């Protein structure tokens, strides 16, 4: 009996893992590992899609289990946004030029901040529902806020790096 339990524990844990990406999205990302501009823009697109789905769901009062689904969509958004940040860090460490992609990321940060704050304001009105997703919403807001600052800093570093590369180029 104990042996059966010990064999099932890792399996059960693996079953709880949730990938926020659809198989099609994962395929798209797999093909762009060496292309920071395309890859980062895809992460922005996927995160934006999760917030759009969330907004559509929140606008429909007939959706069952809205609070739980809100929580799940926020978790998916946050997982994708964390992956975006990891990729920004990786490309920055490699000194890849990602200025165009960072511009799109910074614009998305502003959009994400506004949408998450609007959701938080709505949650204040529907306090009972909000208890289901308040923690993950606050976490998402804090993550986007701090990451937006990091992204702007990285953009400044990228601009300086590009200037240095231009100055070093032989004519």
N, C-alpha and C. Protein backbone atom coordinates (compact mmCIF):
# COMPACT_ATOMS: atom_id res chain seq x y z
N UNK A 1 0.83 -1.19 0.00
CA UNK A 1 0.00 0.00 0.00
C UNK A 1 0.87 1.26 0.00
N UNK A 2 1.88 1.28 0.84
CA UNK A 2 2.79 2.43 0.91
C UNK A 2 3.53 2.61 -0.40
N UNK A 3 3.94 1.51 -1.00
CA UNK A 3 4.64 1.58 -2.28
C UNK A 3 3.74 2.19 -3.36
N UNK A 4 2.49 1.78 -3.39
CA UNK A 4 1.55 2.34 -4.38
C UNK A 4 1.38 3.84 -4.17
N UNK A 5 1.29 4.25 -2.92
CA UNK A 5 1.16 5.68 -2.61
C UNK A 5 2.39 6.45 -3.07
N UNK A 6 3.58 5.91 -2.78
CA UNK A 6 4.81 6.59 -3.17
C UNK A 6 4.96 6.67 -4.69
N UNK A 7 4.44 5.72 -5.39
CA UNK A 7 4.49 5.76 -6.86
C UNK A 7 3.48 6.75 -7.43
N UNK A 8 2.37 6.94 -6.75
CA UNK A 8 1.33 7.85 -7.24
C UNK A 8 1.60 9.31 -6.92
N UNK A 9 2.35 9.61 -5.90
CA UNK A 9 2.60 11.00 -5.51
C UNK A 9 3.28 11.79 -6.63
N UNK A 10 4.37 11.32 -7.22
CA UNK A 10 4.96 12.09 -8.32
C UNK A 10 4.02 12.22 -9.52
N UNK A 11 3.25 11.17 -9.80
CA UNK A 11 2.31 11.23 -10.90
C UNK A 11 1.23 12.28 -10.65
N UNK A 12 0.71 12.31 -9.43
CA UNK A 12 -0.33 13.28 -9.09
C UNK A 12 0.22 14.71 -9.17
N UNK A 13 1.44 14.90 -8.72
CA UNK A 13 2.04 16.23 -8.79
C UNK A 13 2.22 16.65 -10.24
N UNK A 14 2.61 15.73 -11.08
CA UNK A 14 2.79 16.04 -12.50
C UNK A 14 1.46 16.39 -13.15
N UNK A 15 0.39 15.78 -12.71
CA UNK A 15 -0.92 16.05 -13.29
C UNK A 15 -1.42 17.46 -12.95
N UNK A 16 -0.95 18.03 -11.86
CA UNK A 16 -1.37 19.36 -11.46
C UNK A 16 -0.65 20.46 -12.21
N UNK A 17 0.45 20.12 -12.86
CA UNK A 17 1.19 21.11 -13.63
C UNK A 17 0.29 21.61 -14.76
N UNK A 18 0.24 22.92 -14.93
CA UNK A 18 -0.59 23.52 -15.97
C UNK A 18 0.30 24.40 -16.83
N UNK A 19 0.26 24.17 -18.11
CA UNK A 19 1.02 24.99 -19.04
C UNK A 19 0.10 26.09 -19.55
N UNK A 20 0.47 27.35 -19.33
CA UNK A 20 -0.40 28.44 -19.78
C UNK A 20 -0.41 28.62 -21.29
N UNK A 21 0.50 27.93 -21.98
CA UNK A 21 0.57 28.03 -23.44
C UNK A 21 -0.26 26.94 -24.10
N UNK A 22 -0.90 27.30 -25.19
CA UNK A 22 -1.55 26.29 -26.00
C UNK A 22 -0.46 25.58 -26.80
N UNK A 23 -0.72 24.40 -27.33
CA UNK A 23 0.30 23.73 -28.15
C UNK A 23 0.75 24.58 -29.34
N UNK A 24 -0.16 25.32 -29.94
CA UNK A 24 0.19 26.17 -31.08
C UNK A 24 1.12 27.30 -30.63
N UNK A 25 0.84 27.88 -29.49
CA UNK A 25 1.70 28.96 -28.97
C UNK A 25 3.08 28.42 -28.65
N UNK A 26 3.14 27.24 -28.05
CA UNK A 26 4.43 26.63 -27.73
C UNK A 26 5.23 26.38 -29.01
N UNK A 27 4.57 25.94 -30.06
CA UNK A 27 5.25 25.73 -31.34
C UNK A 27 5.81 27.04 -31.89
N UNK A 28 5.02 28.09 -31.81
CA UNK A 28 5.48 29.39 -32.29
C UNK A 28 6.72 29.85 -31.53
N UNK A 29 6.71 29.67 -30.23
CA UNK A 29 7.86 30.09 -29.41
C UNK A 29 9.08 29.23 -29.69
N UNK A 30 8.87 27.96 -29.88
CA UNK A 30 9.98 27.04 -30.13
C UNK A 30 10.76 27.46 -31.38
N UNK A 31 10.06 27.98 -32.35
CA UNK A 31 10.69 28.38 -33.60
C UNK A 31 11.42 29.72 -33.52
N UNK A 32 11.31 30.43 -32.39
CA UNK A 32 11.88 31.78 -32.30
C UNK A 32 12.94 31.94 -31.22
N UNK A 33 13.51 30.87 -30.75
CA UNK A 33 14.45 30.93 -29.63
C UNK A 33 15.62 31.88 -29.88
N UNK A 34 16.06 32.00 -31.12
CA UNK A 34 17.22 32.84 -31.43
C UNK A 34 16.82 34.21 -31.98
N UNK A 35 15.56 34.54 -31.92
CA UNK A 35 15.07 35.80 -32.47
C UNK A 35 14.34 36.60 -31.38
N UNK A 36 15.09 37.41 -30.63
CA UNK A 36 14.49 38.12 -29.50
C UNK A 36 13.29 38.98 -29.87
N UNK A 37 13.38 39.67 -31.00
CA UNK A 37 12.28 40.57 -31.37
C UNK A 37 10.97 39.80 -31.54
N UNK A 38 11.02 38.71 -32.28
CA UNK A 38 9.81 37.93 -32.54
C UNK A 38 9.33 37.24 -31.26
N UNK A 39 10.26 36.66 -30.53
CA UNK A 39 9.90 35.89 -29.34
C UNK A 39 9.26 36.78 -28.26
N UNK A 40 9.86 37.92 -28.00
CA UNK A 40 9.30 38.81 -26.97
C UNK A 40 7.94 39.34 -27.39
N UNK A 41 7.79 39.65 -28.66
CA UNK A 41 6.48 40.12 -29.14
C UNK A 41 5.43 39.02 -29.04
N UNK A 42 5.83 37.78 -29.23
CA UNK A 42 4.89 36.68 -29.06
C UNK A 42 4.44 36.57 -27.60
N UNK A 43 5.38 36.69 -26.67
CA UNK A 43 4.99 36.64 -25.25
C UNK A 43 4.03 37.77 -24.92
N UNK A 44 4.27 38.95 -25.46
CA UNK A 44 3.36 40.08 -25.23
C UNK A 44 1.98 39.73 -25.79
N UNK A 45 1.96 39.19 -26.99
CA UNK A 45 0.70 38.82 -27.64
C UNK A 45 -0.07 37.79 -26.80
N UNK A 46 0.63 36.80 -26.30
CA UNK A 46 -0.02 35.74 -25.52
C UNK A 46 -0.53 36.28 -24.17
N UNK A 47 0.26 37.12 -23.52
CA UNK A 47 -0.17 37.71 -22.25
C UNK A 47 -1.38 38.62 -22.48
N UNK A 48 -1.33 39.40 -23.55
CA UNK A 48 -2.45 40.28 -23.90
C UNK A 48 -3.72 39.44 -24.15
N UNK A 49 -3.56 38.31 -24.81
CA UNK A 49 -4.72 37.44 -25.08
C UNK A 49 -5.34 36.93 -23.79
N UNK A 50 -4.50 36.62 -22.79
CA UNK A 50 -5.05 36.13 -21.51
C UNK A 50 -5.86 37.23 -20.83
N UNK A 51 -5.37 38.46 -20.89
CA UNK A 51 -6.13 39.56 -20.28
C UNK A 51 -7.41 39.85 -21.07
N UNK A 52 -7.37 39.72 -22.39
CA UNK A 52 -8.58 39.93 -23.20
C UNK A 52 -9.63 38.87 -22.87
N UNK A 53 -9.19 37.63 -22.73
CA UNK A 53 -10.11 36.54 -22.36
C UNK A 53 -10.70 36.83 -20.98
N UNK A 54 -9.87 37.29 -20.09
CA UNK A 54 -10.33 37.63 -18.74
C UNK A 54 -11.38 38.74 -18.79
N UNK A 55 -11.12 39.77 -19.58
CA UNK A 55 -12.08 40.88 -19.68
C UNK A 55 -13.41 40.41 -20.27
N UNK A 56 -13.35 39.58 -21.30
CA UNK A 56 -14.58 39.06 -21.90
C UNK A 56 -15.38 38.24 -20.90
N UNK A 57 -14.68 37.42 -20.16
CA UNK A 57 -15.33 36.58 -19.18
C UNK A 57 -15.94 37.42 -18.06
N UNK A 58 -15.23 38.42 -17.62
CA UNK A 58 -15.72 39.28 -16.53
C UNK A 58 -16.92 40.11 -16.97
N UNK A 59 -17.01 40.40 -18.26
CA UNK A 59 -18.13 41.20 -18.77
C UNK A 59 -19.42 40.39 -18.88
N UNK A 60 -19.32 39.07 -18.87
CA UNK A 60 -20.49 38.21 -19.01
C UNK A 60 -20.91 37.70 -17.64
N UNK A 61 -22.02 38.22 -17.11
CA UNK A 61 -22.45 37.80 -15.77
C UNK A 61 -22.92 36.36 -15.70
N UNK A 62 -23.13 35.73 -16.85
CA UNK A 62 -23.64 34.35 -16.86
C UNK A 62 -22.53 33.30 -16.77
N UNK A 63 -21.29 33.72 -16.78
CA UNK A 63 -20.18 32.77 -16.72
C UNK A 63 -20.16 32.11 -15.33
N UNK A 64 -20.24 30.78 -15.30
CA UNK A 64 -20.18 30.10 -14.00
C UNK A 64 -18.76 30.14 -13.42
N UNK A 65 -18.67 30.18 -12.13
CA UNK A 65 -17.39 30.17 -11.42
C UNK A 65 -16.46 31.29 -11.89
N UNK A 66 -16.99 32.49 -12.05
CA UNK A 66 -16.19 33.61 -12.57
C UNK A 66 -14.97 33.90 -11.71
N UNK A 67 -15.12 33.84 -10.41
CA UNK A 67 -14.00 34.16 -9.52
C UNK A 67 -12.86 33.16 -9.70
N UNK A 68 -13.20 31.88 -9.79
CA UNK A 68 -12.18 30.85 -9.97
C UNK A 68 -11.53 30.98 -11.34
N UNK A 69 -12.33 31.22 -12.36
CA UNK A 69 -11.79 31.38 -13.71
C UNK A 69 -10.94 32.66 -13.81
N UNK A 70 -11.34 33.69 -13.09
CA UNK A 70 -10.53 34.91 -13.04
C UNK A 70 -9.16 34.59 -12.43
N UNK A 71 -9.17 33.85 -11.35
CA UNK A 71 -7.93 33.44 -10.70
C UNK A 71 -7.04 32.67 -11.67
N UNK A 72 -7.63 31.72 -12.38
CA UNK A 72 -6.86 30.89 -13.30
C UNK A 72 -6.29 31.71 -14.47
N UNK A 73 -7.08 32.62 -15.01
CA UNK A 73 -6.60 33.47 -16.10
C UNK A 73 -5.48 34.39 -15.62
N UNK A 74 -5.60 34.90 -14.42
CA UNK A 74 -4.54 35.75 -13.85
C UNK A 74 -3.26 34.94 -13.65
N UNK A 75 -3.40 33.71 -13.20
CA UNK A 75 -2.22 32.85 -13.04
C UNK A 75 -1.54 32.59 -14.38
N UNK A 76 -2.35 32.33 -15.41
CA UNK A 76 -1.79 32.11 -16.75
C UNK A 76 -1.09 33.37 -17.25
N UNK A 77 -1.73 34.52 -17.07
CA UNK A 77 -1.11 35.79 -17.47
C UNK A 77 0.23 35.96 -16.76
N UNK A 78 0.23 35.74 -15.47
CA UNK A 78 1.44 35.93 -14.68
C UNK A 78 2.54 34.95 -15.08
N UNK A 79 2.19 33.72 -15.37
CA UNK A 79 3.18 32.74 -15.81
C UNK A 79 3.81 33.18 -17.14
N UNK A 80 2.99 33.65 -18.05
CA UNK A 80 3.51 34.12 -19.34
C UNK A 80 4.35 35.37 -19.18
N UNK A 81 3.90 36.26 -18.31
CA UNK A 81 4.65 37.50 -18.08
C UNK A 81 6.00 37.20 -17.42
N UNK A 82 6.02 36.24 -16.51
CA UNK A 82 7.29 35.82 -15.90
C UNK A 82 8.23 35.23 -16.94
N UNK A 83 7.70 34.45 -17.87
CA UNK A 83 8.52 33.90 -18.95
C UNK A 83 9.06 35.03 -19.84
N UNK A 84 8.23 36.01 -20.11
CA UNK A 84 8.67 37.18 -20.87
C UNK A 84 9.86 37.83 -20.17
N UNK A 85 9.74 38.03 -18.87
CA UNK A 85 10.83 38.64 -18.11
C UNK A 85 12.10 37.79 -18.13
N UNK A 86 11.94 36.49 -18.02
CA UNK A 86 13.10 35.59 -18.08
C UNK A 86 13.80 35.72 -19.42
N UNK A 87 13.01 35.82 -20.48
CA UNK A 87 13.59 35.96 -21.82
C UNK A 87 14.29 37.31 -21.98
N UNK A 88 13.70 38.37 -21.46
CA UNK A 88 14.36 39.69 -21.51
C UNK A 88 15.71 39.60 -20.81
N UNK A 89 15.74 38.98 -19.65
CA UNK A 89 16.99 38.84 -18.90
C UNK A 89 18.02 38.03 -19.69
N UNK A 90 17.58 36.94 -20.29
CA UNK A 90 18.49 36.08 -21.05
C UNK A 90 19.09 36.84 -22.23
N UNK A 91 18.24 37.52 -22.98
CA UNK A 91 18.73 38.27 -24.14
C UNK A 91 19.62 39.44 -23.73
N UNK A 92 19.30 40.06 -22.61
CA UNK A 92 20.14 41.16 -22.11
C UNK A 92 21.51 40.63 -21.70
N UNK A 93 21.54 39.48 -21.03
CA UNK A 93 22.81 38.88 -20.63
C UNK A 93 23.67 38.52 -21.83
N UNK A 94 23.03 38.13 -22.91
CA UNK A 94 23.76 37.78 -24.14
C UNK A 94 24.09 39.02 -24.98
N UNK A 95 23.61 40.15 -24.53
CA UNK A 95 23.79 41.43 -25.22
C UNK A 95 23.18 41.42 -26.63
N UNK A 96 22.07 40.71 -26.77
CA UNK A 96 21.34 40.73 -28.03
C UNK A 96 20.63 42.07 -28.17
N UNK A 97 20.50 42.54 -29.39
CA UNK A 97 19.78 43.78 -29.63
C UNK A 97 18.28 43.49 -29.61
N UNK A 98 17.62 44.03 -28.62
CA UNK A 98 16.18 43.80 -28.51
C UNK A 98 15.43 45.11 -28.31
N UNK A 99 15.99 46.19 -28.85
CA UNK A 99 15.36 47.51 -28.66
C UNK A 99 13.96 47.57 -29.25
N UNK A 100 13.76 47.05 -30.44
CA UNK A 100 12.42 47.09 -31.05
C UNK A 100 11.43 46.29 -30.21
N UNK A 101 11.84 45.13 -29.79
CA UNK A 101 10.96 44.28 -28.98
C UNK A 101 10.68 44.92 -27.63
N UNK A 102 11.70 45.54 -27.04
CA UNK A 102 11.50 46.18 -25.73
C UNK A 102 10.52 47.34 -25.82
N UNK A 103 10.54 48.03 -26.94
CA UNK A 103 9.57 49.11 -27.12
C UNK A 103 8.15 48.55 -27.02
N UNK A 104 7.91 47.43 -27.69
CA UNK A 104 6.60 46.78 -27.63
C UNK A 104 6.29 46.28 -26.22
N UNK A 105 7.29 45.77 -25.54
CA UNK A 105 7.10 45.27 -24.17
C UNK A 105 6.75 46.42 -23.23
N UNK A 106 7.44 47.53 -23.36
CA UNK A 106 7.17 48.69 -22.49
C UNK A 106 5.77 49.25 -22.74
N UNK A 107 5.37 49.29 -24.00
CA UNK A 107 3.99 49.73 -24.30
C UNK A 107 2.98 48.77 -23.68
N UNK A 108 3.26 47.49 -23.78
CA UNK A 108 2.36 46.49 -23.20
C UNK A 108 2.32 46.60 -21.67
N UNK A 109 3.46 46.91 -21.06
CA UNK A 109 3.49 47.07 -19.60
C UNK A 109 2.46 48.11 -19.16
N UNK A 110 2.43 49.24 -19.87
CA UNK A 110 1.48 50.30 -19.53
C UNK A 110 0.04 49.81 -19.69
N UNK A 111 -0.21 49.10 -20.77
CA UNK A 111 -1.54 48.54 -21.01
C UNK A 111 -1.91 47.53 -19.91
N UNK A 112 -0.98 46.65 -19.58
CA UNK A 112 -1.24 45.64 -18.56
C UNK A 112 -1.50 46.28 -17.20
N UNK A 113 -0.72 47.31 -16.86
CA UNK A 113 -0.93 48.00 -15.59
C UNK A 113 -2.35 48.57 -15.51
N UNK A 114 -2.79 49.21 -16.58
CA UNK A 114 -4.12 49.81 -16.58
C UNK A 114 -5.21 48.74 -16.44
N UNK A 115 -5.07 47.64 -17.17
CA UNK A 115 -6.09 46.59 -17.13
C UNK A 115 -6.14 45.90 -15.77
N UNK A 116 -4.98 45.66 -15.19
CA UNK A 116 -4.95 45.01 -13.87
C UNK A 116 -5.51 45.93 -12.79
N UNK A 117 -5.20 47.20 -12.88
CA UNK A 117 -5.74 48.16 -11.89
C UNK A 117 -7.26 48.29 -12.04
N UNK A 118 -7.75 48.25 -13.28
CA UNK A 118 -9.20 48.29 -13.50
C UNK A 118 -9.86 47.06 -12.89
N UNK A 119 -9.24 45.92 -13.03
CA UNK A 119 -9.78 44.71 -12.42
C UNK A 119 -9.77 44.82 -10.91
N UNK A 120 -8.72 45.39 -10.36
CA UNK A 120 -8.66 45.57 -8.91
C UNK A 120 -9.76 46.52 -8.43
N UNK A 121 -10.01 47.59 -9.19
CA UNK A 121 -11.08 48.52 -8.82
C UNK A 121 -12.44 47.82 -8.87
N UNK A 122 -12.65 46.99 -9.88
CA UNK A 122 -13.88 46.22 -9.99
C UNK A 122 -13.98 45.24 -8.82
N UNK A 123 -12.87 44.67 -8.43
CA UNK A 123 -12.86 43.69 -7.33
C UNK A 123 -13.29 44.34 -6.03
N UNK A 124 -12.98 45.62 -5.86
CA UNK A 124 -13.41 46.32 -4.65
C UNK A 124 -14.92 46.37 -4.53
N UNK A 125 -15.60 46.42 -5.67
CA UNK A 125 -17.06 46.45 -5.69
C UNK A 125 -17.62 45.06 -5.41
N UNK A 126 -16.96 44.06 -5.93
CA UNK A 126 -17.42 42.68 -5.76
C UNK A 126 -16.45 41.94 -4.82
N UNK A 127 -16.41 42.41 -3.59
CA UNK A 127 -15.41 41.94 -2.64
C UNK A 127 -15.48 40.44 -2.38
N UNK A 128 -16.66 39.88 -2.38
CA UNK A 128 -16.77 38.45 -2.09
C UNK A 128 -16.10 37.61 -3.17
N UNK A 129 -16.33 37.95 -4.43
CA UNK A 129 -15.66 37.26 -5.54
C UNK A 129 -14.16 37.48 -5.49
N UNK A 130 -13.76 38.68 -5.16
CA UNK A 130 -12.35 39.06 -5.22
C UNK A 130 -11.49 38.24 -4.27
N UNK A 131 -12.05 37.71 -3.23
CA UNK A 131 -11.26 36.90 -2.29
C UNK A 131 -10.63 35.70 -2.99
N UNK A 132 -11.28 35.22 -4.04
CA UNK A 132 -10.79 34.06 -4.78
C UNK A 132 -9.51 34.36 -5.56
N UNK A 133 -9.32 35.62 -5.95
CA UNK A 133 -8.19 35.95 -6.83
C UNK A 133 -7.39 37.17 -6.38
N UNK A 134 -7.69 37.68 -5.19
CA UNK A 134 -7.03 38.90 -4.71
C UNK A 134 -5.50 38.75 -4.63
N UNK A 135 -5.03 37.65 -4.12
CA UNK A 135 -3.58 37.46 -3.97
C UNK A 135 -2.87 37.45 -5.32
N UNK A 136 -3.39 36.66 -6.26
CA UNK A 136 -2.73 36.57 -7.57
C UNK A 136 -2.85 37.90 -8.33
N UNK A 137 -3.94 38.62 -8.14
CA UNK A 137 -4.09 39.93 -8.78
C UNK A 137 -3.07 40.91 -8.23
N UNK A 138 -2.93 40.96 -6.91
CA UNK A 138 -1.93 41.86 -6.31
C UNK A 138 -0.52 41.47 -6.75
N UNK A 139 -0.26 40.18 -6.84
CA UNK A 139 1.04 39.70 -7.30
C UNK A 139 1.29 40.14 -8.74
N UNK A 140 0.27 40.02 -9.58
CA UNK A 140 0.40 40.43 -10.99
C UNK A 140 0.68 41.93 -11.09
N UNK A 141 -0.03 42.72 -10.32
CA UNK A 141 0.17 44.18 -10.35
C UNK A 141 1.59 44.52 -9.91
N UNK A 142 2.03 43.94 -8.81
CA UNK A 142 3.39 44.21 -8.31
C UNK A 142 4.44 43.77 -9.32
N UNK A 143 4.24 42.61 -9.93
CA UNK A 143 5.20 42.09 -10.91
C UNK A 143 5.29 43.00 -12.12
N UNK A 144 4.15 43.40 -12.66
CA UNK A 144 4.15 44.27 -13.84
C UNK A 144 4.76 45.63 -13.49
N UNK A 145 4.42 46.17 -12.33
CA UNK A 145 4.99 47.46 -11.93
C UNK A 145 6.51 47.41 -11.84
N UNK A 146 7.05 46.42 -11.15
CA UNK A 146 8.50 46.36 -11.00
C UNK A 146 9.17 45.99 -12.32
N UNK A 147 8.53 45.14 -13.10
CA UNK A 147 9.10 44.75 -14.39
C UNK A 147 9.11 45.92 -15.37
N UNK A 148 8.09 46.75 -15.32
CA UNK A 148 8.05 47.91 -16.21
C UNK A 148 9.28 48.79 -15.97
N UNK A 149 9.62 48.98 -14.71
CA UNK A 149 10.84 49.75 -14.38
C UNK A 149 12.08 49.04 -14.91
N UNK A 150 12.13 47.73 -14.73
CA UNK A 150 13.28 46.95 -15.22
C UNK A 150 13.39 47.02 -16.74
N UNK A 151 12.25 46.97 -17.41
CA UNK A 151 12.26 47.01 -18.87
C UNK A 151 12.77 48.36 -19.38
N UNK A 152 12.37 49.43 -18.71
CA UNK A 152 12.87 50.76 -19.10
C UNK A 152 14.37 50.86 -18.87
N UNK A 153 14.82 50.32 -17.77
CA UNK A 153 16.25 50.32 -17.47
C UNK A 153 17.01 49.50 -18.52
N UNK A 154 16.48 48.36 -18.87
CA UNK A 154 17.12 47.51 -19.88
C UNK A 154 17.14 48.23 -21.23
N UNK A 155 16.09 48.97 -21.55
CA UNK A 155 16.06 49.73 -22.80
C UNK A 155 17.18 50.77 -22.82
N UNK A 156 17.38 51.44 -21.70
CA UNK A 156 18.47 52.43 -21.60
C UNK A 156 19.81 51.74 -21.81
N UNK A 157 20.00 50.59 -21.18
CA UNK A 157 21.24 49.83 -21.34
C UNK A 157 21.42 49.38 -22.79
N UNK A 158 20.34 48.98 -23.43
CA UNK A 158 20.39 48.55 -24.83
C UNK A 158 20.80 49.72 -25.74
N UNK A 159 20.26 50.90 -25.47
CA UNK A 159 20.61 52.08 -26.26
C UNK A 159 22.10 52.41 -26.10
N UNK A 160 22.60 52.34 -24.87
CA UNK A 160 24.02 52.60 -24.62
C UNK A 160 24.90 51.56 -25.31
N UNK A 161 24.50 50.32 -25.26
CA UNK A 161 25.24 49.25 -25.91
C UNK A 161 25.28 49.46 -27.43
N UNK A 162 24.17 49.87 -28.00
CA UNK A 162 24.11 50.12 -29.45
C UNK A 162 25.04 51.28 -29.83
N UNK A 163 25.08 52.31 -28.99
CA UNK A 163 25.99 53.45 -29.26
C UNK A 163 27.44 52.99 -29.24
N UNK A 164 27.78 52.19 -28.25
CA UNK A 164 29.16 51.70 -28.15
C UNK A 164 29.53 50.85 -29.36
N UNK A 165 28.60 50.02 -29.80
CA UNK A 165 28.88 49.18 -30.97
C UNK A 165 29.06 50.04 -32.23
N UNK A 166 28.27 51.09 -32.36
CA UNK A 166 28.42 51.98 -33.52
C UNK A 166 29.74 52.71 -33.49
N UNK A 167 30.19 53.11 -32.30
CA UNK A 167 31.47 53.82 -32.18
C UNK A 167 32.67 52.92 -32.45
N UNK A 168 32.53 51.64 -32.14
CA UNK A 168 33.62 50.70 -32.34
C UNK A 168 33.72 50.22 -33.78
N UNK A 169 32.67 50.41 -34.57
CA UNK A 169 32.67 49.92 -35.95
C UNK A 169 33.74 50.62 -36.77
N UNK A 170 34.57 49.85 -37.47
CA UNK A 170 35.55 50.47 -38.36
C UNK A 170 34.85 51.01 -39.61
N UNK A 171 35.32 52.14 -40.08
CA UNK A 171 34.68 52.77 -41.25
C UNK A 171 35.37 52.43 -42.52
